[in-house]
C-alpha atoms as a PDB file:
ATOM      1  CA  UNK A   1     -16.686  -3.649  22.203  1.00  0.00           C
ATOM      2  CA  UNK A   2     -14.686  -6.247  20.330  1.00  0.00           C
ATOM      3  CA  UNK A   3     -15.012  -9.208  18.009  1.00  0.00           C
ATOM      4  CA  UNK A   4     -13.381 -12.450  19.182  1.00  0.00           C
ATOM      5  CA  UNK A   5     -12.268 -15.311  16.944  1.00  0.00           C
ATOM      6  CA  UNK A   6     -12.168 -18.826  18.419  1.00  0.00           C
ATOM      7  CA  UNK A   7     -11.275 -22.229  17.040  1.00  0.00           C
ATOM      8  CA  UNK A   8     -14.556 -24.109  16.641  1.00  0.00           C
ATOM      9  CA  UNK A   9     -12.841 -27.200  18.132  1.00  0.00           C
ATOM     10  CA  UNK A  10     -11.502 -25.354  21.190  1.00  0.00           C
ATOM     11  CA  UNK A  11     -13.887 -22.601  22.227  1.00  0.00           C
ATOM     12  CA  UNK A  12     -12.116 -21.896  25.498  1.00  0.00           C
ATOM     13  CA  UNK A  13      -9.269 -19.936  23.895  1.00  0.00           C
ATOM     14  CA  UNK A  14      -9.555 -16.671  21.985  1.00  0.00           C
ATOM     15  CA  UNK A  15      -7.279 -16.892  18.957  1.00  0.00           C
ATOM     16  CA  UNK A  16      -7.687 -13.317  17.770  1.00  0.00           C
ATOM     17  CA  UNK A  17      -9.505 -10.173  18.801  1.00  0.00           C
ATOM     18  CA  UNK A  18     -10.433  -7.012  16.898  1.00  0.00           C
ATOM     19  CA  UNK A  19     -11.290  -4.092  19.130  1.00  0.00           C
ATOM     20  CA  UNK A  20     -13.768  -1.428  18.072  1.00  0.00           C
ATOM     21  CA  UNK A  21     -10.858   0.971  17.395  1.00  0.00           C
ATOM     22  CA  UNK A  22      -9.245  -1.486  14.985  1.00  0.00           C
ATOM     23  CA  UNK A  23     -12.534  -2.585  13.443  1.00  0.00           C
ATOM     24  CA  UNK A  24     -13.035   0.711  11.634  1.00  0.00           C
ATOM     25  CA  UNK A  25     -10.136  -0.006   9.261  1.00  0.00           C
ATOM     26  CA  UNK A  26     -11.905  -3.193   8.105  1.00  0.00           C
ATOM     27  CA  UNK A  27     -15.364  -1.677   7.587  1.00  0.00           C
ATOM     28  CA  UNK A  28     -15.130  -1.495   3.777  1.00  0.00           C
ATOM     29  CA  UNK A  29     -13.871  -5.068   3.565  1.00  0.00           C
ATOM     30  CA  UNK A  30     -16.685  -6.273   5.823  1.00  0.00           C
ATOM     31  CA  UNK A  31     -19.259  -4.418   3.698  1.00  0.00           C
ATOM     32  CA  UNK A  32     -17.997  -6.163   0.549  1.00  0.00           C
ATOM     33  CA  UNK A  33     -17.909  -9.509   2.356  1.00  0.00           C
ATOM     34  CA  UNK A  34     -21.466  -9.003   3.628  1.00  0.00           C
ATOM     35  CA  UNK A  35     -22.771  -8.240   0.126  1.00  0.00           C
ATOM     36  CA  UNK A  36     -21.545 -11.632  -1.037  1.00  0.00           C
ATOM     37  CA  UNK A  37     -22.517 -13.578   2.095  1.00  0.00           C
ATOM     38  CA  UNK A  38     -25.847 -11.951   2.959  1.00  0.00           C
ATOM     39  CA  UNK A  39     -24.710  -9.957   6.030  1.00  0.00           C
ATOM     40  CA  UNK A  40     -23.022 -12.927   7.698  1.00  0.00           C
ATOM     41  CA  UNK A  41     -20.363 -10.802   9.425  1.00  0.00           C
ATOM     42  CA  UNK A  42     -22.312  -9.217  12.280  1.00  0.00           C
ATOM     43  CA  UNK A  43     -20.251  -7.524  15.002  1.00  0.00           C
ATOM     44  CA  UNK A  44     -23.152  -7.935  17.429  1.00  0.00           C
ATOM     45  CA  UNK A  45     -23.870 -11.603  16.799  1.00  0.00           C
ATOM     46  CA  UNK A  46     -22.128 -14.961  16.718  1.00  0.00           C
ATOM     47  CA  UNK A  47     -21.359 -16.814  13.496  1.00  0.00           C
ATOM     48  CA  UNK A  48     -18.940 -19.261  11.908  1.00  0.00           C
ATOM     49  CA  UNK A  49     -16.332 -18.584   9.281  1.00  0.00           C
ATOM     50  CA  UNK A  50     -15.679 -21.597   7.086  1.00  0.00           C
ATOM     51  CA  UNK A  51     -12.792 -21.980   4.652  1.00  0.00           C
ATOM     52  CA  UNK A  52     -14.655 -20.300   1.789  1.00  0.00           C
ATOM     53  CA  UNK A  53     -15.343 -17.272   4.012  1.00  0.00           C
ATOM     54  CA  UNK A  54     -11.743 -17.150   5.236  1.00  0.00           C
ATOM     55  CA  UNK A  55     -10.418 -17.401   1.674  1.00  0.00           C
ATOM     56  CA  UNK A  56     -12.640 -14.547   0.537  1.00  0.00           C
ATOM     57  CA  UNK A  57     -11.578 -12.330   3.448  1.00  0.00           C
ATOM     58  CA  UNK A  58      -7.933 -13.037   2.611  1.00  0.00           C
ATOM     59  CA  UNK A  59      -8.592 -12.120  -1.019  1.00  0.00           C
ATOM     60  CA  UNK A  60     -10.253  -8.851   0.000  1.00  0.00           C
ATOM     61  CA  UNK A  61      -7.414  -7.961   2.356  1.00  0.00           C
ATOM     62  CA  UNK A  62      -4.879  -8.658  -0.401  1.00  0.00           C
ATOM     63  CA  UNK A  63      -6.781  -6.355  -2.753  1.00  0.00           C
ATOM     64  CA  UNK A  64      -6.547  -3.620  -0.112  1.00  0.00           C
ATOM     65  CA  UNK A  65      -2.782  -4.227   0.315  1.00  0.00           C
ATOM     66  CA  UNK A  66      -2.960  -4.975   4.032  1.00  0.00           C
ATOM     67  CA  UNK A  67      -0.783  -8.097   3.934  1.00  0.00           C
ATOM     68  CA  UNK A  68       1.267  -6.856   6.877  1.00  0.00           C
ATOM     69  CA  UNK A  69      -1.755  -6.621   9.132  1.00  0.00           C
ATOM     70  CA  UNK A  70      -2.069  -9.100  12.012  1.00  0.00           C
ATOM     71  CA  UNK A  71      -5.652  -9.933  10.999  1.00  0.00           C
ATOM     72  CA  UNK A  72      -4.423 -10.976   7.544  1.00  0.00           C
ATOM     73  CA  UNK A  73      -1.709 -13.178   9.075  1.00  0.00           C
ATOM     74  CA  UNK A  74      -4.225 -14.685  11.467  1.00  0.00           C
ATOM     75  CA  UNK A  75      -6.569 -15.584   8.592  1.00  0.00           C
ATOM     76  CA  UNK A  76      -3.667 -17.140   6.665  1.00  0.00           C
ATOM     77  CA  UNK A  77      -2.851 -19.272   9.701  1.00  0.00           C
ATOM     78  CA  UNK A  78      -6.501 -20.350   9.945  1.00  0.00           C
ATOM     79  CA  UNK A  79      -6.528 -21.195   6.239  1.00  0.00           C
ATOM     80  CA  UNK A  80      -3.254 -23.123   6.375  1.00  0.00           C
ATOM     81  CA  UNK A  81      -4.447 -25.104   9.399  1.00  0.00           C
ATOM     82  CA  UNK A  82      -7.844 -25.746   7.810  1.00  0.00           C
ATOM     83  CA  UNK A  83      -9.682 -24.111  10.738  1.00  0.00           C
ATOM     84  CA  UNK A  84     -13.323 -23.213  11.073  1.00  0.00           C
ATOM     85  CA  UNK A  85     -13.645 -20.113  13.239  1.00  0.00           C
ATOM     86  CA  UNK A  86     -16.368 -19.202  15.672  1.00  0.00           C
ATOM     87  CA  UNK A  87     -16.774 -15.430  15.764  1.00  0.00           C
ATOM     88  CA  UNK A  88     -18.287 -13.898  18.881  1.00  0.00           C
ATOM     89  CA  UNK A  89     -19.507 -10.316  18.566  1.00  0.00           C
ATOM     90  CA  UNK A  90     -20.586  -7.917  21.280  1.00  0.00           C
END
């Protein structure tokens, strides 16, 4: 099981992937995110992350001091390039 992140403008290329092993370290952040955004982040469904969602995830990751994590860097890249992400769950 994994969660794939794609550019909404180019759905043929996976930009980032979080495997189920890695996902466990983000569970608390996802729970906080889901409280604010009404369970938007669903690892079994598909959804879009807009800039406000990406910014909030970055903020939560910074609060948890995981700035060195690849997921954090990926989200910064998406923010800096003004991307909307399509998230495909399993």
